[in-house]
Amino acid sequence: MPFGTPIPPSPETSQAILAAFAERGIRFVKDSLVKALDPGRKVAVLSDGTEMPYDLFLGVGVHRVPQVVVESGLAGDAYGWVPVNKKTLETKFPGVYAVGDVNGVGTAKAGVFAEGAARVVAAAIIAQLRGGPSPEAYKGAGACYVEFGHGQVGRVDVDFLSGPKPTGTFQEASEALSPRRREGQLRIKPDSALVRT
């Protein structure tokens, strides 16, 4: 993991995840990246040269903007994000916005943040077309659920932009946050009426 903790803005979430790892005999390797794989030996080579054996390797490739975005002049290079105004998400080109994983606003690259950004940009475009007031600034806030197993789900609410540094609050894992439990509490009938069970 390239960070020192699993969820840097929320120490409580990180502690809960690390405790769950410890219960399952999973070692968290911080401040390190996988630089190579040796599938014949089933070994991952970390950035510091350490070798780590594996049974099954699941990895996420390098995250970067698409080449077309670099060629458009929006991003400076293939490993940089599109610079934007943090409040409006507008790029250096008037009327051009960057939403989602390509922007350099400073939030996590997760759908909940892209969705919030899209709302702000859509409202700005509508306001511009209709001559209305500017919408509220992008807040860079969102919630993510963390599965702990055995029907236990936690929630972390993260705010990336309103303070001097990102902050997160953790809602302890419980069955109440489990999707299975929520599905049993609320269902949609064929006529689209909501019914409590």
N, C-alpha and C. Protein backbone atom coordinates (compact mmCIF):
# COMPACT_ATOMS: atom_id res chain seq x y z
N MET A 1 0.85 -1.17 0.00
CA MET A 1 0.00 0.00 0.00
C MET A 1 0.89 1.23 0.00
N PRO A 2 0.61 2.20 -0.86
CA PRO A 2 1.48 3.38 -0.92
C PRO A 2 1.29 4.35 0.25
N PHE A 3 0.35 4.08 1.13
CA PHE A 3 0.10 4.95 2.28
C PHE A 3 0.51 4.26 3.57
N GLY A 4 0.64 5.06 4.63
CA GLY A 4 1.02 4.50 5.92
C GLY A 4 -0.12 3.82 6.65
N THR A 5 -1.37 4.15 6.27
CA THR A 5 -2.55 3.53 6.87
C THR A 5 -3.55 3.23 5.76
N PRO A 6 -4.51 2.32 5.99
CA PRO A 6 -5.48 1.99 4.94
C PRO A 6 -6.36 3.17 4.50
N ILE A 7 -6.82 3.97 5.43
CA ILE A 7 -7.69 5.11 5.13
C ILE A 7 -7.10 6.35 5.82
N PRO A 8 -6.14 7.02 5.19
CA PRO A 8 -5.43 8.12 5.87
C PRO A 8 -6.31 9.20 6.52
N PRO A 9 -7.43 9.63 5.91
CA PRO A 9 -8.21 10.68 6.58
C PRO A 9 -8.96 10.22 7.83
N SER A 10 -9.05 8.90 8.06
CA SER A 10 -9.83 8.41 9.19
C SER A 10 -9.03 7.38 10.00
N PRO A 11 -8.34 7.83 11.05
CA PRO A 11 -7.59 6.90 11.89
C PRO A 11 -8.47 5.79 12.48
N GLU A 12 -9.72 6.11 12.83
CA GLU A 12 -10.62 5.10 13.41
C GLU A 12 -10.93 4.00 12.41
N THR A 13 -11.18 4.37 11.16
CA THR A 13 -11.44 3.37 10.12
C THR A 13 -10.20 2.52 9.90
N SER A 14 -9.05 3.17 9.84
CA SER A 14 -7.79 2.43 9.65
C SER A 14 -7.56 1.43 10.77
N GLN A 15 -7.82 1.84 12.02
CA GLN A 15 -7.64 0.94 13.16
C GLN A 15 -8.57 -0.26 13.06
N ALA A 16 -9.82 -0.03 12.65
CA ALA A 16 -10.79 -1.12 12.53
C ALA A 16 -10.36 -2.10 11.43
N ILE A 17 -9.88 -1.58 10.31
CA ILE A 17 -9.43 -2.44 9.21
C ILE A 17 -8.19 -3.23 9.63
N LEU A 18 -7.24 -2.57 10.27
CA LEU A 18 -6.02 -3.26 10.71
C LEU A 18 -6.34 -4.34 11.75
N ALA A 19 -7.32 -4.09 12.63
CA ALA A 19 -7.73 -5.09 13.62
C ALA A 19 -8.36 -6.30 12.90
N ALA A 20 -9.18 -6.03 11.88
CA ALA A 20 -9.79 -7.12 11.11
C ALA A 20 -8.72 -7.92 10.38
N PHE A 21 -7.71 -7.24 9.84
CA PHE A 21 -6.59 -7.94 9.19
C PHE A 21 -5.89 -8.85 10.20
N ALA A 22 -5.59 -8.31 11.37
CA ALA A 22 -4.86 -9.07 12.39
C ALA A 22 -5.65 -10.32 12.79
N GLU A 23 -6.97 -10.20 12.94
CA GLU A 23 -7.81 -11.35 13.29
C GLU A 23 -7.72 -12.46 12.25
N ARG A 24 -7.46 -12.07 11.01
CA ARG A 24 -7.43 -13.03 9.90
C ARG A 24 -6.01 -13.41 9.47
N GLY A 25 -5.02 -12.92 10.21
CA GLY A 25 -3.64 -13.24 9.88
C GLY A 25 -3.14 -12.55 8.62
N ILE A 26 -3.71 -11.39 8.31
CA ILE A 26 -3.30 -10.63 7.12
C ILE A 26 -2.34 -9.54 7.55
N ARG A 27 -1.20 -9.47 6.88
CA ARG A 27 -0.19 -8.45 7.21
C ARG A 27 -0.38 -7.25 6.29
N PHE A 28 -0.44 -6.07 6.88
CA PHE A 28 -0.54 -4.82 6.13
C PHE A 28 0.87 -4.30 5.87
N VAL A 29 1.21 -4.12 4.61
CA VAL A 29 2.54 -3.61 4.24
C VAL A 29 2.35 -2.17 3.81
N LYS A 30 2.82 -1.24 4.64
CA LYS A 30 2.60 0.18 4.35
C LYS A 30 3.75 0.79 3.56
N ASP A 31 3.45 1.93 2.97
CA ASP A 31 4.45 2.74 2.25
C ASP A 31 5.22 1.94 1.22
N SER A 32 4.55 1.06 0.50
CA SER A 32 5.24 0.21 -0.47
C SER A 32 4.36 -0.06 -1.67
N LEU A 33 4.99 -0.26 -2.82
CA LEU A 33 4.29 -0.59 -4.05
C LEU A 33 4.86 -1.88 -4.62
N VAL A 34 4.05 -2.60 -5.37
CA VAL A 34 4.53 -3.78 -6.09
C VAL A 34 5.19 -3.28 -7.37
N LYS A 35 6.46 -3.64 -7.56
CA LYS A 35 7.14 -3.19 -8.78
C LYS A 35 7.29 -4.30 -9.80
N ALA A 36 7.16 -5.56 -9.39
CA ALA A 36 7.27 -6.69 -10.33
C ALA A 36 6.62 -7.93 -9.73
N LEU A 37 6.25 -8.85 -10.62
CA LEU A 37 5.72 -10.15 -10.22
C LEU A 37 6.57 -11.24 -10.84
N ASP A 38 6.78 -12.30 -10.09
CA ASP A 38 7.43 -13.50 -10.61
C ASP A 38 6.41 -14.61 -10.47
N PRO A 39 5.54 -14.79 -11.50
CA PRO A 39 4.47 -15.78 -11.38
C PRO A 39 4.98 -17.21 -11.27
N GLY A 40 6.15 -17.50 -11.82
CA GLY A 40 6.70 -18.85 -11.71
C GLY A 40 6.98 -19.23 -10.28
N ARG A 41 7.48 -18.28 -9.51
CA ARG A 41 7.77 -18.51 -8.08
C ARG A 41 6.63 -18.05 -7.18
N LYS A 42 5.61 -17.40 -7.77
CA LYS A 42 4.49 -16.81 -7.03
C LYS A 42 5.01 -15.83 -5.97
N VAL A 43 5.79 -14.86 -6.46
CA VAL A 43 6.40 -13.85 -5.59
C VAL A 43 6.14 -12.46 -6.18
N ALA A 44 5.72 -11.55 -5.31
CA ALA A 44 5.62 -10.14 -5.68
C ALA A 44 6.87 -9.44 -5.15
N VAL A 45 7.48 -8.60 -5.99
CA VAL A 45 8.66 -7.85 -5.59
C VAL A 45 8.21 -6.42 -5.29
N LEU A 46 8.47 -5.97 -4.06
CA LEU A 46 8.05 -4.64 -3.64
C LEU A 46 9.08 -3.59 -4.03
N SER A 47 8.69 -2.32 -3.93
CA SER A 47 9.55 -1.22 -4.35
C SER A 47 10.86 -1.15 -3.59
N ASP A 48 10.89 -1.70 -2.37
CA ASP A 48 12.15 -1.69 -1.61
C ASP A 48 12.99 -2.96 -1.86
N GLY A 49 12.53 -3.82 -2.80
CA GLY A 49 13.26 -5.04 -3.12
C GLY A 49 12.80 -6.26 -2.34
N THR A 50 11.98 -6.07 -1.33
CA THR A 50 11.45 -7.18 -0.54
C THR A 50 10.59 -8.07 -1.43
N GLU A 51 10.70 -9.37 -1.23
CA GLU A 51 9.86 -10.32 -1.95
C GLU A 51 8.76 -10.82 -1.03
N MET A 52 7.56 -10.92 -1.58
CA MET A 52 6.42 -11.36 -0.80
C MET A 52 5.73 -12.51 -1.54
N PRO A 53 5.66 -13.69 -0.94
CA PRO A 53 4.98 -14.80 -1.61
C PRO A 53 3.47 -14.58 -1.64
N TYR A 54 2.83 -15.15 -2.66
CA TYR A 54 1.38 -15.06 -2.75
C TYR A 54 0.80 -16.35 -3.31
N ASP A 55 -0.46 -16.61 -2.96
CA ASP A 55 -1.20 -17.72 -3.55
C ASP A 55 -2.04 -17.21 -4.72
N LEU A 56 -2.67 -16.06 -4.51
CA LEU A 56 -3.48 -15.40 -5.53
C LEU A 56 -3.13 -13.93 -5.49
N PHE A 57 -2.75 -13.37 -6.61
CA PHE A 57 -2.40 -11.95 -6.65
C PHE A 57 -3.53 -11.18 -7.32
N LEU A 58 -4.08 -10.20 -6.60
CA LEU A 58 -5.07 -9.28 -7.15
C LEU A 58 -4.45 -7.89 -7.05
N GLY A 59 -4.34 -7.21 -8.16
CA GLY A 59 -3.70 -5.90 -8.15
C GLY A 59 -4.46 -4.90 -8.98
N VAL A 60 -4.18 -3.64 -8.72
CA VAL A 60 -4.74 -2.53 -9.49
C VAL A 60 -3.58 -1.90 -10.23
N GLY A 61 -3.74 -1.75 -11.53
CA GLY A 61 -2.69 -1.17 -12.35
C GLY A 61 -2.47 0.31 -12.06
N VAL A 62 -1.49 0.88 -12.71
CA VAL A 62 -1.20 2.30 -12.56
C VAL A 62 -2.44 3.10 -12.96
N HIS A 63 -2.82 4.01 -12.10
CA HIS A 63 -4.00 4.83 -12.33
C HIS A 63 -3.54 6.16 -12.92
N ARG A 64 -4.01 6.45 -14.12
CA ARG A 64 -3.61 7.69 -14.79
C ARG A 64 -4.68 8.12 -15.77
N VAL A 65 -4.52 9.34 -16.26
CA VAL A 65 -5.49 9.85 -17.23
C VAL A 65 -5.30 9.15 -18.57
N PRO A 66 -6.36 9.02 -19.35
CA PRO A 66 -6.22 8.44 -20.69
C PRO A 66 -5.34 9.32 -21.58
N GLN A 67 -4.68 8.71 -22.53
CA GLN A 67 -3.78 9.44 -23.43
C GLN A 67 -4.49 10.57 -24.16
N VAL A 68 -5.75 10.37 -24.53
CA VAL A 68 -6.49 11.41 -25.24
C VAL A 68 -6.59 12.69 -24.38
N VAL A 69 -6.65 12.54 -23.08
CA VAL A 69 -6.72 13.70 -22.18
C VAL A 69 -5.38 14.43 -22.16
N VAL A 70 -4.29 13.67 -22.17
CA VAL A 70 -2.96 14.28 -22.24
C VAL A 70 -2.81 15.02 -23.56
N GLU A 71 -3.18 14.39 -24.66
CA GLU A 71 -3.05 14.99 -25.99
C GLU A 71 -3.92 16.22 -26.15
N SER A 72 -5.01 16.32 -25.39
CA SER A 72 -5.90 17.48 -25.49
C SER A 72 -5.30 18.73 -24.84
N GLY A 73 -4.26 18.52 -24.03
CA GLY A 73 -3.68 19.66 -23.32
C GLY A 73 -4.28 19.89 -21.95
N LEU A 74 -5.24 19.07 -21.56
CA LEU A 74 -5.86 19.23 -20.25
C LEU A 74 -4.94 18.77 -19.12
N ALA A 75 -4.22 17.67 -19.34
CA ALA A 75 -3.27 17.17 -18.33
C ALA A 75 -1.86 17.41 -18.83
N GLY A 76 -0.96 17.75 -17.92
CA GLY A 76 0.41 18.05 -18.30
C GLY A 76 1.19 16.84 -18.79
N ASP A 77 0.90 15.67 -18.23
CA ASP A 77 1.60 14.45 -18.66
C ASP A 77 0.73 13.25 -18.31
N ALA A 78 1.17 12.07 -18.73
CA ALA A 78 0.38 10.85 -18.55
C ALA A 78 0.18 10.46 -17.09
N TYR A 79 0.99 10.99 -16.19
CA TYR A 79 0.85 10.63 -14.77
C TYR A 79 0.33 11.78 -13.93
N GLY A 80 -0.10 12.86 -14.59
CA GLY A 80 -0.67 13.99 -13.87
C GLY A 80 -2.17 14.02 -14.06
N TRP A 81 -2.85 14.63 -13.13
CA TRP A 81 -4.30 14.78 -13.23
C TRP A 81 -4.61 16.12 -13.88
N VAL A 82 -5.84 16.31 -14.30
CA VAL A 82 -6.26 17.57 -14.91
C VAL A 82 -6.44 18.61 -13.80
N PRO A 83 -5.67 19.69 -13.84
CA PRO A 83 -5.84 20.73 -12.81
C PRO A 83 -7.22 21.40 -12.97
N VAL A 84 -7.89 21.61 -11.85
CA VAL A 84 -9.21 22.23 -11.86
C VAL A 84 -9.33 23.23 -10.71
N ASN A 85 -10.30 24.12 -10.85
CA ASN A 85 -10.71 24.97 -9.74
C ASN A 85 -11.43 24.06 -8.76
N LYS A 86 -10.97 23.97 -7.53
CA LYS A 86 -11.53 23.02 -6.56
C LYS A 86 -12.99 23.26 -6.23
N LYS A 87 -13.46 24.49 -6.41
CA LYS A 87 -14.85 24.80 -6.08
C LYS A 87 -15.80 24.55 -7.24
N THR A 88 -15.31 24.75 -8.49
CA THR A 88 -16.19 24.64 -9.65
C THR A 88 -15.86 23.45 -10.56
N LEU A 89 -14.65 22.91 -10.43
CA LEU A 89 -14.15 21.81 -11.26
C LEU A 89 -13.91 22.23 -12.71
N GLU A 90 -13.84 23.54 -12.93
CA GLU A 90 -13.55 24.05 -14.28
C GLU A 90 -12.05 23.96 -14.53
N THR A 91 -11.69 23.60 -15.75
CA THR A 91 -10.29 23.50 -16.15
C THR A 91 -9.78 24.87 -16.58
N LYS A 92 -8.56 24.92 -17.09
CA LYS A 92 -7.99 26.17 -17.58
C LYS A 92 -8.70 26.66 -18.84
N PHE A 93 -9.51 25.81 -19.44
CA PHE A 93 -10.29 26.19 -20.61
C PHE A 93 -11.70 26.57 -20.15
N PRO A 94 -12.14 27.81 -20.39
CA PRO A 94 -13.47 28.23 -19.94
C PRO A 94 -14.58 27.32 -20.46
N GLY A 95 -15.48 26.94 -19.56
CA GLY A 95 -16.60 26.09 -19.92
C GLY A 95 -16.26 24.62 -20.07
N VAL A 96 -15.02 24.24 -19.75
CA VAL A 96 -14.61 22.84 -19.81
C VAL A 96 -14.32 22.37 -18.39
N TYR A 97 -14.96 21.28 -17.99
CA TYR A 97 -14.86 20.76 -16.64
C TYR A 97 -14.22 19.38 -16.64
N ALA A 98 -13.63 19.01 -15.54
CA ALA A 98 -13.08 17.66 -15.38
C ALA A 98 -13.74 17.01 -14.17
N VAL A 99 -14.40 15.88 -14.41
CA VAL A 99 -15.14 15.17 -13.39
C VAL A 99 -14.63 13.74 -13.31
N GLY A 100 -14.58 13.20 -12.12
CA GLY A 100 -14.21 11.79 -11.95
C GLY A 100 -12.72 11.60 -11.81
N ASP A 101 -12.26 10.46 -12.26
CA ASP A 101 -10.88 10.06 -12.02
C ASP A 101 -9.84 10.93 -12.70
N VAL A 102 -10.20 11.72 -13.68
CA VAL A 102 -9.18 12.52 -14.38
C VAL A 102 -8.82 13.81 -13.66
N ASN A 103 -9.68 14.30 -12.79
CA ASN A 103 -9.39 15.61 -12.21
C ASN A 103 -8.42 15.55 -11.02
N GLY A 104 -7.75 16.64 -10.80
CA GLY A 104 -6.77 16.73 -9.72
C GLY A 104 -7.28 17.50 -8.53
N VAL A 105 -8.57 17.38 -8.23
CA VAL A 105 -9.17 18.14 -7.14
C VAL A 105 -8.65 17.71 -5.77
N GLY A 106 -8.17 16.48 -5.66
CA GLY A 106 -7.61 16.03 -4.38
C GLY A 106 -8.48 15.07 -3.60
N THR A 107 -9.55 14.58 -4.21
CA THR A 107 -10.38 13.57 -3.55
C THR A 107 -9.94 12.18 -3.98
N ALA A 108 -10.46 11.18 -3.29
CA ALA A 108 -10.20 9.79 -3.67
C ALA A 108 -10.82 9.54 -5.05
N LYS A 109 -10.27 8.56 -5.75
CA LYS A 109 -10.79 8.19 -7.07
C LYS A 109 -11.86 7.12 -6.87
N ALA A 110 -13.04 7.57 -6.43
CA ALA A 110 -14.16 6.67 -6.15
C ALA A 110 -15.43 7.28 -6.72
N GLY A 111 -16.36 6.42 -7.10
CA GLY A 111 -17.59 6.85 -7.74
C GLY A 111 -18.39 7.87 -6.96
N VAL A 112 -18.42 7.77 -5.64
CA VAL A 112 -19.20 8.70 -4.83
C VAL A 112 -18.70 10.14 -5.01
N PHE A 113 -17.40 10.31 -5.21
CA PHE A 113 -16.85 11.65 -5.41
C PHE A 113 -17.10 12.13 -6.83
N ALA A 114 -17.04 11.24 -7.80
CA ALA A 114 -17.35 11.60 -9.18
C ALA A 114 -18.82 12.01 -9.30
N GLU A 115 -19.69 11.30 -8.60
CA GLU A 115 -21.11 11.62 -8.65
C GLU A 115 -21.38 13.01 -8.06
N GLY A 116 -20.74 13.32 -6.93
CA GLY A 116 -20.90 14.65 -6.33
C GLY A 116 -20.36 15.74 -7.24
N ALA A 117 -19.24 15.48 -7.88
CA ALA A 117 -18.65 16.44 -8.81
C ALA A 117 -19.56 16.65 -10.01
N ALA A 118 -20.12 15.58 -10.53
CA ALA A 118 -21.02 15.68 -11.69
C ALA A 118 -22.24 16.53 -11.37
N ARG A 119 -22.77 16.41 -10.15
CA ARG A 119 -23.92 17.24 -9.75
C ARG A 119 -23.56 18.72 -9.79
N VAL A 120 -22.38 19.06 -9.26
CA VAL A 120 -21.95 20.46 -9.24
C VAL A 120 -21.76 20.99 -10.66
N VAL A 121 -21.11 20.21 -11.51
CA VAL A 121 -20.87 20.64 -12.88
C VAL A 121 -22.18 20.75 -13.66
N ALA A 122 -23.07 19.79 -13.51
CA ALA A 122 -24.37 19.86 -14.20
C ALA A 122 -25.13 21.11 -13.77
N ALA A 123 -25.13 21.40 -12.47
CA ALA A 123 -25.82 22.59 -11.97
C ALA A 123 -25.17 23.86 -12.52
N ALA A 124 -23.86 23.88 -12.66
CA ALA A 124 -23.16 25.05 -13.21
C ALA A 124 -23.52 25.27 -14.68
N ILE A 125 -23.56 24.20 -15.44
CA ILE A 125 -23.91 24.31 -16.87
C ILE A 125 -25.36 24.77 -17.03
N ILE A 126 -26.26 24.21 -16.23
CA ILE A 126 -27.67 24.62 -16.29
C ILE A 126 -27.80 26.09 -15.90
N ALA A 127 -27.11 26.50 -14.84
CA ALA A 127 -27.17 27.90 -14.41
C ALA A 127 -26.64 28.83 -15.50
N GLN A 128 -25.58 28.42 -16.15
CA GLN A 128 -25.00 29.23 -17.22
C GLN A 128 -25.98 29.34 -18.40
N LEU A 129 -26.60 28.25 -18.78
CA LEU A 129 -27.53 28.27 -19.91
C LEU A 129 -28.79 29.07 -19.61
N ARG A 130 -29.24 29.01 -18.35
CA ARG A 130 -30.48 29.71 -17.97
C ARG A 130 -30.23 31.10 -17.39
N GLY A 131 -28.96 31.45 -17.21
CA GLY A 131 -28.65 32.76 -16.64
C GLY A 131 -28.93 32.84 -15.15
N GLY A 132 -28.86 31.71 -14.47
CA GLY A 132 -29.16 31.67 -13.05
C GLY A 132 -27.91 31.86 -12.20
N PRO A 133 -28.08 31.82 -10.88
CA PRO A 133 -26.94 31.98 -9.97
C PRO A 133 -26.03 30.74 -10.01
N SER A 134 -24.78 30.95 -9.66
CA SER A 134 -23.83 29.84 -9.61
C SER A 134 -24.24 28.87 -8.51
N PRO A 135 -24.01 27.58 -8.73
CA PRO A 135 -24.38 26.59 -7.71
C PRO A 135 -23.39 26.62 -6.55
N GLU A 136 -23.73 25.86 -5.51
CA GLU A 136 -22.81 25.70 -4.37
C GLU A 136 -21.50 25.11 -4.85
N ALA A 137 -20.44 25.42 -4.14
CA ALA A 137 -19.12 24.88 -4.48
C ALA A 137 -19.06 23.38 -4.22
N TYR A 138 -18.20 22.71 -4.96
CA TYR A 138 -17.96 21.29 -4.75
C TYR A 138 -17.36 21.09 -3.37
N LYS A 139 -17.90 20.13 -2.62
CA LYS A 139 -17.46 19.93 -1.23
C LYS A 139 -16.42 18.82 -1.08
N GLY A 140 -16.33 17.93 -2.05
CA GLY A 140 -15.36 16.84 -1.94
C GLY A 140 -15.65 15.92 -0.77
N ALA A 141 -16.92 15.67 -0.51
CA ALA A 141 -17.31 14.81 0.61
C ALA A 141 -18.06 13.60 0.09
N GLY A 142 -17.92 12.48 0.79
CA GLY A 142 -18.62 11.27 0.38
C GLY A 142 -18.51 10.19 1.44
N ALA A 143 -19.30 9.16 1.25
CA ALA A 143 -19.31 8.04 2.19
C ALA A 143 -18.95 6.75 1.46
N CYS A 144 -18.21 5.91 2.13
CA CYS A 144 -17.85 4.60 1.60
C CYS A 144 -18.16 3.55 2.66
N TYR A 145 -18.63 2.40 2.21
CA TYR A 145 -18.94 1.29 3.12
C TYR A 145 -17.78 0.31 3.11
N VAL A 146 -17.51 -0.27 4.26
CA VAL A 146 -16.41 -1.23 4.42
C VAL A 146 -17.00 -2.54 4.94
N GLU A 147 -16.86 -3.61 4.15
CA GLU A 147 -17.35 -4.94 4.54
C GLU A 147 -16.33 -5.59 5.47
N PHE A 148 -16.78 -6.05 6.63
CA PHE A 148 -15.90 -6.73 7.59
C PHE A 148 -16.18 -8.23 7.67
N GLY A 149 -17.16 -8.71 6.92
CA GLY A 149 -17.53 -10.11 6.97
C GLY A 149 -18.54 -10.39 8.07
N HIS A 150 -19.16 -11.57 8.02
CA HIS A 150 -20.14 -12.01 9.02
C HIS A 150 -21.29 -11.01 9.14
N GLY A 151 -21.69 -10.38 8.03
CA GLY A 151 -22.80 -9.43 8.04
C GLY A 151 -22.48 -8.09 8.66
N GLN A 152 -21.22 -7.83 8.96
CA GLN A 152 -20.81 -6.59 9.60
C GLN A 152 -20.30 -5.59 8.54
N VAL A 153 -20.88 -4.41 8.54
CA VAL A 153 -20.50 -3.37 7.58
C VAL A 153 -20.27 -2.08 8.35
N GLY A 154 -19.16 -1.40 8.04
CA GLY A 154 -18.87 -0.09 8.62
C GLY A 154 -19.03 0.97 7.55
N ARG A 155 -19.00 2.20 7.98
CA ARG A 155 -19.14 3.32 7.03
C ARG A 155 -18.14 4.40 7.42
N VAL A 156 -17.48 4.96 6.42
CA VAL A 156 -16.58 6.09 6.65
C VAL A 156 -17.07 7.26 5.79
N ASP A 157 -17.26 8.39 6.45
CA ASP A 157 -17.63 9.63 5.77
C ASP A 157 -16.38 10.50 5.71
N VAL A 158 -15.97 10.85 4.50
CA VAL A 158 -14.72 11.59 4.32
C VAL A 158 -15.01 12.95 3.70
N ASP A 159 -14.34 13.96 4.23
CA ASP A 159 -14.43 15.33 3.73
C ASP A 159 -13.02 15.74 3.33
N PHE A 160 -12.79 15.90 2.03
CA PHE A 160 -11.46 16.20 1.53
C PHE A 160 -11.16 17.69 1.44
N LEU A 161 -12.18 18.55 1.32
CA LEU A 161 -11.89 19.92 0.92
C LEU A 161 -12.27 21.03 1.89
N SER A 162 -13.09 20.78 2.91
CA SER A 162 -13.56 21.91 3.71
C SER A 162 -12.59 22.37 4.79
N GLY A 163 -11.60 21.56 5.12
CA GLY A 163 -10.64 21.96 6.15
C GLY A 163 -9.23 22.01 5.62
N PRO A 164 -8.26 22.22 6.51
CA PRO A 164 -6.87 22.28 6.07
C PRO A 164 -6.33 20.93 5.59
N LYS A 165 -6.96 19.84 6.04
CA LYS A 165 -6.55 18.51 5.57
C LYS A 165 -7.79 17.61 5.54
N PRO A 166 -7.75 16.52 4.76
CA PRO A 166 -8.90 15.62 4.72
C PRO A 166 -9.18 15.00 6.09
N THR A 167 -10.47 14.84 6.38
CA THR A 167 -10.89 14.21 7.63
C THR A 167 -11.93 13.15 7.34
N GLY A 168 -12.01 12.16 8.22
CA GLY A 168 -13.01 11.11 8.06
C GLY A 168 -13.54 10.68 9.40
N THR A 169 -14.82 10.34 9.42
CA THR A 169 -15.44 9.81 10.63
C THR A 169 -15.91 8.39 10.33
N PHE A 170 -15.78 7.53 11.31
CA PHE A 170 -16.09 6.11 11.15
C PHE A 170 -17.33 5.74 11.92
N GLN A 171 -18.23 5.06 11.26
CA GLN A 171 -19.39 4.47 11.90
C GLN A 171 -19.06 3.00 12.06
N GLU A 172 -18.95 2.56 13.30
CA GLU A 172 -18.51 1.21 13.61
C GLU A 172 -19.31 0.15 12.88
N ALA A 173 -18.64 -0.92 12.53
CA ALA A 173 -19.28 -2.02 11.80
C ALA A 173 -20.43 -2.62 12.61
N SER A 174 -21.52 -2.89 11.90
CA SER A 174 -22.69 -3.49 12.53
C SER A 174 -23.52 -4.17 11.45
N GLU A 175 -24.50 -4.96 11.88
CA GLU A 175 -25.42 -5.56 10.93
C GLU A 175 -26.38 -4.52 10.38
N ALA A 176 -26.62 -3.44 11.12
CA ALA A 176 -27.57 -2.41 10.69
C ALA A 176 -27.15 -1.77 9.37
N LEU A 177 -25.85 -1.72 9.10
CA LEU A 177 -25.37 -1.11 7.85
C LEU A 177 -25.25 -2.11 6.71
N SER A 178 -25.52 -3.39 6.99
CA SER A 178 -25.40 -4.44 5.98
C SER A 178 -26.47 -4.27 4.91
N PRO A 179 -26.10 -4.40 3.64
CA PRO A 179 -27.11 -4.31 2.58
C PRO A 179 -28.21 -5.36 2.74
N ARG A 180 -27.86 -6.55 3.25
CA ARG A 180 -28.87 -7.59 3.44
C ARG A 180 -29.93 -7.12 4.43
N ARG A 181 -29.49 -6.45 5.47
CA ARG A 181 -30.45 -5.95 6.47
C ARG A 181 -31.29 -4.83 5.87
N ARG A 182 -30.65 -3.93 5.14
CA ARG A 182 -31.39 -2.81 4.54
C ARG A 182 -32.41 -3.32 3.52
N GLU A 183 -32.05 -4.37 2.77
CA GLU A 183 -32.98 -4.93 1.78
C GLU A 183 -34.23 -5.46 2.47
N GLY A 184 -34.08 -5.99 3.67
CA GLY A 184 -35.23 -6.51 4.39
C GLY A 184 -36.09 -5.42 5.00
N GLN A 185 -35.55 -4.22 5.14
CA GLN A 185 -36.30 -3.14 5.76
C GLN A 185 -37.12 -2.34 4.76
N LEU A 186 -36.68 -2.30 3.53
CA LEU A 186 -37.36 -1.47 2.54
C LEU A 186 -37.36 -2.21 1.22
N ARG A 187 -38.51 -2.28 0.61
CA ARG A 187 -38.54 -2.92 -0.70
C ARG A 187 -39.46 -2.13 -1.61
N ILE A 188 -39.28 -2.31 -2.90
CA ILE A 188 -40.11 -1.60 -3.87
C ILE A 188 -41.07 -2.59 -4.49
N LYS A 189 -42.37 -2.28 -4.40
CA LYS A 189 -43.39 -3.13 -5.00
C LYS A 189 -43.43 -2.83 -6.50
N PRO A 190 -44.01 -3.73 -7.27
CA PRO A 190 -44.09 -3.51 -8.72
C PRO A 190 -44.73 -2.19 -9.12
N ASP A 191 -45.65 -1.66 -8.29
CA ASP A 191 -46.28 -0.38 -8.63
C ASP A 191 -45.43 0.81 -8.17
N SER A 192 -44.19 0.54 -7.76
CA SER A 192 -43.20 1.54 -7.35
C SER A 192 -43.51 2.21 -6.02
N ALA A 193 -44.46 1.71 -5.26
CA ALA A 193 -44.71 2.26 -3.93
C ALA A 193 -43.71 1.63 -2.97
N LEU A 194 -43.21 2.42 -2.07
CA LEU A 194 -42.27 1.92 -1.06
C LEU A 194 -43.04 1.32 0.11
N VAL A 195 -42.62 0.15 0.53
CA VAL A 195 -43.31 -0.55 1.61
C VAL A 195 -42.30 -0.98 2.65
N ARG A 196 -42.54 -0.66 3.91
CA ARG A 196 -41.69 -1.14 5.02
C ARG A 196 -42.07 -2.57 5.37
N THR A 197 -41.08 -3.40 5.67
CA THR A 197 -41.38 -4.78 6.06
C THR A 197 -40.98 -5.02 7.49
